[in-house]
Every structure is written in structure tokens, then in C-alpha cells.
Amino acid sequence: MSAISTESTVQSTPSPAEMREKKDRRRAITLLTPGLLWMTLFMVLPMAMVIYVSFWTQTTFSVNSTLTTASWERFLSSATYLGAIWTTLRIWLIVLIATIVVGYPVALFIGLFVRNKTLQTALLVACVIPFWTSFLIRVIAWRPMLGTEGAINMILMKLGIISEPLTFLLFSEFSVLVGMTQIYCVFMVGPITFMLGRIDVSVIEAARDLGASFGTIFRRIILPLSMPGVMVGSIFVSVMVLGEFATAASLSGRKTNLLGNIIVSQVGSLKWTFAAVAGVVLTIIITAVIALALRLVDLRKEM
């Protein structure tokens, strides 16, 4: 009997590996709990409430909690709202391409051609300097630049390139694209510069010694290794551009309606259900864009 009881006692006593595993599991749960609570309270529950409100009944002067799909039907059948979705997607895609075209060469120069870390830091800080001022000031500053009597028109007329001011530069979709590209380009430069700075210079030198041209080196080495940075920058730019409303309202003269502008106008009119519907649609679009970017590049593997 004593032998049997001893054997059962040994079997019931956890091994050091099991105890260590349980300890690690408890530590992981302890570390994750604050973040999970924060995400639940300030992201999951508010989003669930927005979805719930989108099915409320909206009347002219009030809202009640009777569930209906009337707001969704009106939103999805309205040419104005559907046009706002299309405009938002079009501007997002153009600004995303523009920030890559403008930001990638800058990041390539800072991250690959400038090897001095102090100078790299100084150049990155120079890119961030506009963020030392208010967002609205940076947006409104484009008005005296793009106006009919602005700096660009005056310079072009002085040089004899144009005979009369260009009217499409301000209060148009073009001015919105210019403003957003300038404002959000730095969010593309930073991640790409970080990834380019991690490239081992000896790999590029070895490819050059083997007779590879710069185009071949860029296509086969630099671009693939910098793609995670491009994807991270694309996610940053996409999230901010898709949720934009201030730049469009200020530089387009309210001629360009994005989903963000629809939400602001509906909230201002106390039409909470329509604002909630637009918010849910915008969230779905942003989620789809981020999911697509993460499928193109496995950031956990590349970073």
C-alpha cells in the first residue's frame, strides 16, 4: 500500500517543466489583461454601440431605439452617400500612390545613401518639423499658395508660363490631393527609412562587385527588403486619409465630400443613425484595406 501511495503522490506532483509552463501562462494572462480590458472598453464596446445605433429609428427631430434597417437602406440607395464612398476611395488611392512616389526617394536617400546616423536623424527631424505646428494651420497655409493670387500663380505668371491665374489649384479636388500628400507623406518616409537602414551595405557591395547595375540591385535587393516599410507606411497613410474630413472641408470649399465629412455633417444635424451607418461603412473599408496590406506582406516575419 505504501508503494502505491508513494507512486500516486509522485504522479500528482507537477514536474518543474509543468510548473514553469503554468507560471508563464499566468504571467502572460497578467500582462495581457490590461490591454484586453482597454481594447474591450474603448474599442469593442464603442464599435458595438455604433453598430447598434445604426439600426435605430431616425425621425426628423428625434431618435428612438426601435430597430429598423431604414437608415441602411436610405444610405445604400442614396447617390450622395454612395458618391462619398467612391470619392473617399479615389482620393485615398491617389494620395497613397502620391505619398509612395514622393516619400520613397526621400527615404531611399536618407536610409541608404546617408550613412551618418546623426545626419540621418537630423534629416528625419526636418521631415517632422511641419508637425510642430497645428494641423489646421498646415492645411490653411495652402490657401495663399494655391489661390488665384497665391504664390504659385504669381510665380508662373512672372515667368510667362501662364497668362492668367489657374483657378483649379484651390477649392477643388486637386488642392485636397496636394494638401493630404504633403501632410501625410512623412508617415510613409519614416517606416521606409527604418527598413532601408537595416539593409546590410555589404550585400549591395557584393551585388555591385558581381556586375549588377543599380536598377538590378534596386529591383532584387532594395525594393523587396523595403516592402515591409512600404506596407507599414501605407497602413498609416490609409487609416488617416480614409478618416479625413478637415482637409477636404478647408481646401475644397466643401465641394469634395468624403465619408468623414458625411459623418460630421450628420452629427451636426443630430442624425445619429445616418452618422453611425457612415461610421460602420468607413470602419469596414479601413479594416478591409489593412487586411489586404497584411496579406501582401507578412509583417511579423519581415520585421
Protein backbone atom coordinates (compact mmCIF):
# COMPACT_ATOMS: atom_id res chain seq x y z
CA MET A 1 0.00 0.00 0.00
CA SER A 2 2.78 2.40 0.84
CA ALA A 3 4.37 1.82 -2.53
CA ILE A 4 1.10 2.57 -4.30
CA SER A 5 0.52 5.77 -2.31
CA THR A 6 4.07 6.91 -2.98
CA GLU A 7 3.62 6.31 -6.70
CA SER A 8 0.34 8.29 -6.76
CA THR A 9 1.98 11.14 -4.86
CA VAL A 10 4.79 11.29 -7.39
CA GLN A 11 2.32 11.27 -10.28
CA SER A 12 0.21 14.07 -8.74
CA THR A 13 3.21 16.30 -8.11
CA PRO A 14 3.75 18.57 -11.18
CA SER A 15 7.13 18.46 -12.79
CA PRO A 16 9.38 21.55 -12.90
CA ALA A 17 8.58 21.99 -16.61
CA GLU A 18 4.82 21.94 -15.93
CA MET A 19 5.19 24.40 -13.06
CA ARG A 20 7.27 26.69 -15.26
CA GLU A 21 4.65 26.45 -18.03
CA LYS A 22 1.83 27.33 -15.62
CA LYS A 23 3.85 30.24 -14.26
CA ASP A 24 4.50 31.55 -17.78
CA ARG A 25 0.79 31.20 -18.61
CA ARG A 26 -0.22 33.17 -15.51
CA ARG A 27 2.35 35.84 -16.33
CA ALA A 28 1.05 36.09 -19.92
CA ILE A 29 -2.55 36.44 -18.71
CA THR A 30 -1.48 39.11 -16.20
CA LEU A 31 0.34 41.09 -18.90
CA LEU A 32 -2.48 40.77 -21.46
CA THR A 33 -5.37 41.62 -19.12
CA PRO A 34 -4.88 45.43 -19.01
CA GLY A 35 -4.59 45.66 -22.79
CA LEU A 36 -7.59 43.40 -23.37
CA LEU A 37 -9.69 45.41 -20.91
CA TRP A 38 -8.63 48.66 -22.56
CA MET A 39 -9.43 47.34 -26.05
CA THR A 40 -12.79 45.99 -24.88
CA LEU A 41 -13.87 49.17 -23.08
CA PHE A 42 -12.62 51.73 -25.58
CA MET A 43 -12.80 49.93 -28.94
CA VAL A 44 -15.02 46.85 -28.96
CA LEU A 45 -17.89 48.25 -26.86
CA PRO A 46 -17.99 51.68 -28.61
CA MET A 47 -17.92 49.98 -32.02
CA ALA A 48 -20.70 47.62 -30.97
CA MET A 49 -22.71 50.64 -29.80
CA VAL A 50 -22.20 52.42 -33.13
CA ILE A 51 -23.44 49.33 -34.99
CA TYR A 52 -26.43 49.13 -32.65
CA VAL A 53 -27.30 52.82 -33.11
CA SER A 54 -27.10 52.43 -36.90
CA PHE A 55 -30.25 50.30 -36.69
CA TRP A 56 -32.24 52.77 -34.58
CA THR A 57 -35.21 54.64 -35.99
CA GLN A 58 -34.38 58.17 -37.11
CA THR A 59 -37.14 60.77 -37.29
CA THR A 60 -36.86 64.41 -38.26
CA PHE A 61 -36.17 65.73 -34.79
CA SER A 62 -35.50 62.64 -32.66
CA VAL A 63 -34.09 59.12 -32.48
CA ASN A 64 -35.60 56.12 -30.75
CA SER A 65 -34.22 52.66 -30.11
CA THR A 66 -36.74 50.79 -32.24
CA LEU A 67 -34.63 48.61 -34.52
CA THR A 68 -35.01 49.08 -38.26
CA THR A 69 -32.91 48.88 -41.43
CA ALA A 70 -34.39 52.11 -42.85
CA SER A 71 -31.18 54.11 -42.31
CA TRP A 72 -29.07 51.46 -44.03
CA GLU A 73 -31.50 51.26 -46.94
CA ARG A 74 -31.50 55.03 -47.33
CA PHE A 75 -27.72 55.22 -47.10
CA LEU A 76 -27.05 52.44 -49.63
CA SER A 77 -29.65 53.78 -52.08
CA SER A 78 -28.55 57.42 -51.92
CA ALA A 79 -26.40 58.70 -54.77
CA THR A 80 -24.89 61.28 -52.38
CA TYR A 81 -23.67 58.72 -49.86
CA LEU A 82 -22.50 56.23 -52.49
CA GLY A 83 -20.70 59.08 -54.25
CA ALA A 84 -18.97 59.95 -50.98
CA ILE A 85 -17.75 56.35 -50.70
CA TRP A 86 -16.38 56.44 -54.25
CA THR A 87 -14.75 59.85 -53.70
CA THR A 88 -13.16 58.65 -50.45
CA LEU A 89 -11.72 55.55 -52.13
CA ARG A 90 -10.48 57.51 -55.16
CA ILE A 91 -8.75 60.19 -53.08
CA TRP A 92 -7.29 57.55 -50.76
CA LEU A 93 -5.77 55.61 -53.66
CA ILE A 94 -4.34 58.73 -55.35
CA VAL A 95 -2.88 60.09 -52.10
CA LEU A 96 -1.43 56.66 -51.23
CA ILE A 97 0.32 56.42 -54.60
CA ALA A 98 1.47 60.05 -54.36
CA THR A 99 2.96 59.58 -50.89
CA ILE A 100 4.84 56.49 -52.08
CA VAL A 101 6.14 58.27 -55.21
CA VAL A 102 7.22 61.33 -53.22
CA GLY A 103 8.27 59.62 -50.00
CA TYR A 104 10.20 56.61 -51.28
CA PRO A 105 13.04 58.57 -52.97
CA VAL A 106 13.40 60.70 -49.83
CA ALA A 107 13.51 57.58 -47.64
CA LEU A 108 15.95 55.93 -50.08
CA PHE A 109 18.32 58.88 -49.81
CA ILE A 110 18.10 59.14 -46.01
CA GLY A 111 18.14 55.43 -45.23
CA LEU A 112 20.64 54.14 -47.80
CA PHE A 113 22.84 56.92 -49.11
CA VAL A 114 23.29 58.82 -45.84
CA ARG A 115 25.32 56.53 -43.58
CA ASN A 116 25.97 59.07 -40.82
CA LYS A 117 23.44 58.34 -38.07
CA THR A 118 23.47 61.90 -36.77
CA LEU A 119 22.73 63.30 -40.22
CA GLN A 120 20.01 60.68 -40.73
CA THR A 121 18.34 61.75 -37.50
CA ALA A 122 18.62 65.42 -38.46
CA LEU A 123 17.01 64.79 -41.85
CA LEU A 124 14.17 62.78 -40.29
CA VAL A 125 13.60 65.56 -37.77
CA ALA A 126 13.48 68.03 -40.68
CA CYS A 127 10.69 65.93 -42.22
CA VAL A 128 8.75 66.13 -38.94
CA ILE A 129 9.19 69.90 -38.44
CA PRO A 130 5.80 70.75 -40.05
CA PHE A 131 4.15 68.71 -37.27
CA TRP A 132 5.42 71.21 -34.75
CA THR A 133 2.57 73.47 -35.84
CA SER A 134 -1.19 72.95 -35.69
CA PHE A 135 -2.80 70.61 -38.22
CA LEU A 136 -5.29 73.29 -39.26
CA ILE A 137 -2.52 75.84 -39.77
CA ARG A 138 -0.71 73.44 -42.09
CA VAL A 139 -3.93 72.90 -44.05
CA ILE A 140 -4.91 76.56 -44.28
CA ALA A 141 -1.33 77.52 -45.24
CA TRP A 142 -2.01 76.04 -48.69
CA ARG A 143 -4.63 78.69 -49.43
CA PRO A 144 -2.18 81.56 -50.02
CA MET A 145 -0.04 79.15 -52.03
CA LEU A 146 -2.75 77.81 -54.35
CA GLY A 147 -5.14 80.77 -54.63
CA THR A 148 -5.67 82.77 -57.82
CA GLU A 149 -3.49 85.50 -56.28
CA GLY A 150 -1.29 82.98 -54.49
CA ALA A 151 2.43 82.36 -54.71
CA ILE A 152 2.27 79.61 -57.35
CA ASN A 153 0.10 81.62 -59.75
CA MET A 154 2.21 84.73 -59.26
CA ILE A 155 5.45 82.84 -59.99
CA LEU A 156 4.02 81.17 -63.09
CA MET A 157 2.72 84.50 -64.40
CA LYS A 158 6.04 86.24 -63.68
CA LEU A 159 7.85 83.53 -65.65
CA GLY A 160 5.40 83.91 -68.52
CA ILE A 161 4.28 80.29 -68.32
CA ILE A 162 0.62 81.30 -67.93
CA SER A 163 -1.22 84.47 -68.92
CA GLU A 164 -3.99 84.26 -66.32
CA PRO A 165 -4.30 82.59 -62.91
CA LEU A 166 -5.08 78.89 -62.72
CA THR A 167 -8.42 78.50 -60.95
CA PHE A 168 -8.29 74.73 -60.39
CA LEU A 169 -5.44 74.94 -57.88
CA LEU A 170 -7.68 75.91 -54.94
CA PHE A 171 -11.17 74.86 -53.81
CA SER A 172 -11.03 71.71 -55.89
CA GLU A 173 -10.18 68.04 -55.53
CA PHE A 174 -6.66 68.87 -56.75
CA SER A 175 -5.99 71.08 -53.72
CA VAL A 176 -7.25 68.32 -51.41
CA LEU A 177 -4.83 65.85 -53.00
CA VAL A 178 -1.91 68.27 -52.68
CA GLY A 179 -2.71 69.07 -49.06
CA MET A 180 -3.12 65.45 -47.99
CA THR A 181 0.02 64.32 -49.82
CA GLN A 182 2.11 66.97 -48.09
CA ILE A 183 0.60 66.33 -44.65
CA TYR A 184 0.84 62.54 -44.65
CA CYS A 185 3.98 61.95 -46.71
CA VAL A 186 6.14 61.84 -43.59
CA PHE A 187 4.23 58.77 -42.37
CA MET A 188 5.48 56.98 -45.48
CA VAL A 189 9.05 58.26 -45.20
CA GLY A 190 9.61 57.09 -41.62
CA PRO A 191 8.85 53.34 -41.92
CA ILE A 192 10.61 53.02 -45.28
CA THR A 193 13.70 54.78 -43.93
CA PHE A 194 13.75 52.41 -40.97
CA MET A 195 13.64 49.32 -43.21
CA LEU A 196 16.24 50.70 -45.63
CA GLY A 197 18.56 51.47 -42.72
CA ARG A 198 18.52 47.78 -41.78
CA ILE A 199 19.91 46.65 -45.16
CA ASP A 200 23.48 45.36 -44.89
CA VAL A 201 25.63 47.53 -47.13
CA SER A 202 27.92 44.58 -47.82
CA VAL A 203 25.08 42.83 -49.67
CA ILE A 204 24.76 45.78 -52.05
CA GLU A 205 28.53 46.00 -52.47
CA ALA A 206 28.70 42.28 -53.27
CA ALA A 207 25.99 42.68 -55.92
CA ARG A 208 27.85 45.66 -57.39
CA ASP A 209 31.11 43.65 -57.47
CA LEU A 210 29.28 40.94 -59.41
CA GLY A 211 28.38 43.49 -62.07
CA ALA A 212 24.78 44.25 -61.11
CA SER A 213 23.52 47.66 -62.14
CA PHE A 214 21.73 49.98 -59.73
CA GLY A 215 18.42 49.09 -61.36
CA THR A 216 19.00 45.38 -60.79
CA ILE A 217 20.16 45.99 -57.21
CA PHE A 218 17.10 48.12 -56.53
CA ARG A 219 14.69 45.62 -58.08
CA ARG A 220 16.12 42.47 -56.50
CA ILE A 221 17.53 43.66 -53.17
CA ILE A 222 16.42 47.13 -52.06
CA LEU A 223 12.75 47.04 -53.05
CA PRO A 224 11.94 43.58 -51.62
CA LEU A 225 13.71 44.35 -48.33
CA SER A 226 11.92 47.71 -48.02
CA MET A 227 8.42 46.37 -48.75
CA PRO A 228 7.51 45.91 -45.06
CA GLY A 229 8.23 49.60 -44.54
CA VAL A 230 6.10 50.47 -47.56
CA MET A 231 3.23 48.38 -46.14
CA VAL A 232 3.51 49.94 -42.68
CA GLY A 233 3.58 53.42 -44.22
CA SER A 234 0.63 52.51 -46.43
CA ILE A 235 -1.37 51.41 -43.38
CA PHE A 236 -0.57 54.68 -41.56
CA VAL A 237 -1.49 56.82 -44.57
CA SER A 238 -4.60 54.78 -45.39
CA VAL A 239 -6.07 54.98 -41.89
CA MET A 240 -5.59 58.75 -41.71
CA VAL A 241 -6.69 59.59 -45.26
CA LEU A 242 -9.80 57.39 -45.15
CA GLY A 243 -10.89 59.09 -41.93
CA GLU A 244 -10.12 62.63 -43.17
CA PHE A 245 -12.62 65.48 -43.20
CA ALA A 246 -10.82 68.70 -42.21
CA THR A 247 -8.52 68.94 -45.23
CA ALA A 248 -11.35 68.30 -47.68
CA ALA A 249 -13.62 70.84 -45.98
CA SER A 250 -10.91 73.53 -45.88
CA LEU A 251 -9.23 73.17 -49.27
CA SER A 252 -12.14 72.09 -51.45
CA GLY A 253 -14.59 74.74 -50.31
CA ARG A 254 -16.91 71.85 -49.30
CA LYS A 255 -17.06 70.72 -52.92
CA THR A 256 -15.43 67.36 -52.08
CA ASN A 257 -17.45 65.18 -49.74
CA LEU A 258 -15.65 62.31 -48.05
CA LEU A 259 -17.21 59.81 -45.66
CA GLY A 260 -15.64 61.77 -42.81
CA ASN A 261 -17.43 64.93 -43.97
CA ILE A 262 -20.72 62.98 -44.18
CA ILE A 263 -20.27 61.83 -40.57
CA VAL A 264 -19.51 65.36 -39.35
CA SER A 265 -22.49 66.86 -41.19
CA GLN A 266 -24.88 64.15 -39.96
CA VAL A 267 -23.73 64.56 -36.35
CA GLY A 268 -24.15 68.33 -36.69
CA SER A 269 -27.71 67.76 -37.90
CA LEU A 270 -28.36 65.38 -34.97
CA LYS A 271 -28.95 62.50 -37.38
CA TRP A 272 -27.16 59.96 -35.26
CA THR A 273 -28.30 56.85 -37.14
CA PHE A 274 -27.02 58.08 -40.51
CA ALA A 275 -23.73 59.11 -38.88
CA ALA A 276 -23.49 55.65 -37.30
CA VAL A 277 -24.16 53.94 -40.65
CA ALA A 278 -21.42 56.03 -42.31
CA GLY A 279 -19.08 55.24 -39.42
CA VAL A 280 -19.68 51.50 -39.75
CA VAL A 281 -19.13 51.64 -43.53
CA LEU A 282 -15.90 53.60 -43.03
CA THR A 283 -14.70 51.10 -40.42
CA ILE A 284 -15.39 48.20 -42.80
CA ILE A 285 -13.40 49.93 -45.56
CA ILE A 286 -10.44 50.66 -43.28
CA THR A 287 -10.46 47.10 -41.94
CA ALA A 288 -10.51 45.69 -45.48
CA VAL A 289 -7.60 47.92 -46.54
CA ILE A 290 -5.48 46.92 -43.53
CA ALA A 291 -6.30 43.22 -44.02
CA LEU A 292 -5.27 43.46 -47.67
CA ALA A 293 -1.98 45.15 -46.77
CA LEU A 294 -1.21 42.49 -44.16
CA ARG A 295 -1.90 39.72 -46.67
CA LEU A 296 0.50 41.24 -49.18
CA VAL A 297 3.40 41.30 -46.67
CA ASP A 298 3.78 39.20 -43.54
CA LEU A 299 4.97 41.92 -41.16
CA ARG A 300 5.59 39.51 -38.28
CA LYS A 301 8.02 37.58 -40.46
CA GLU A 302 9.68 40.54 -42.18
CA MET A 303 10.03 42.89 -39.22
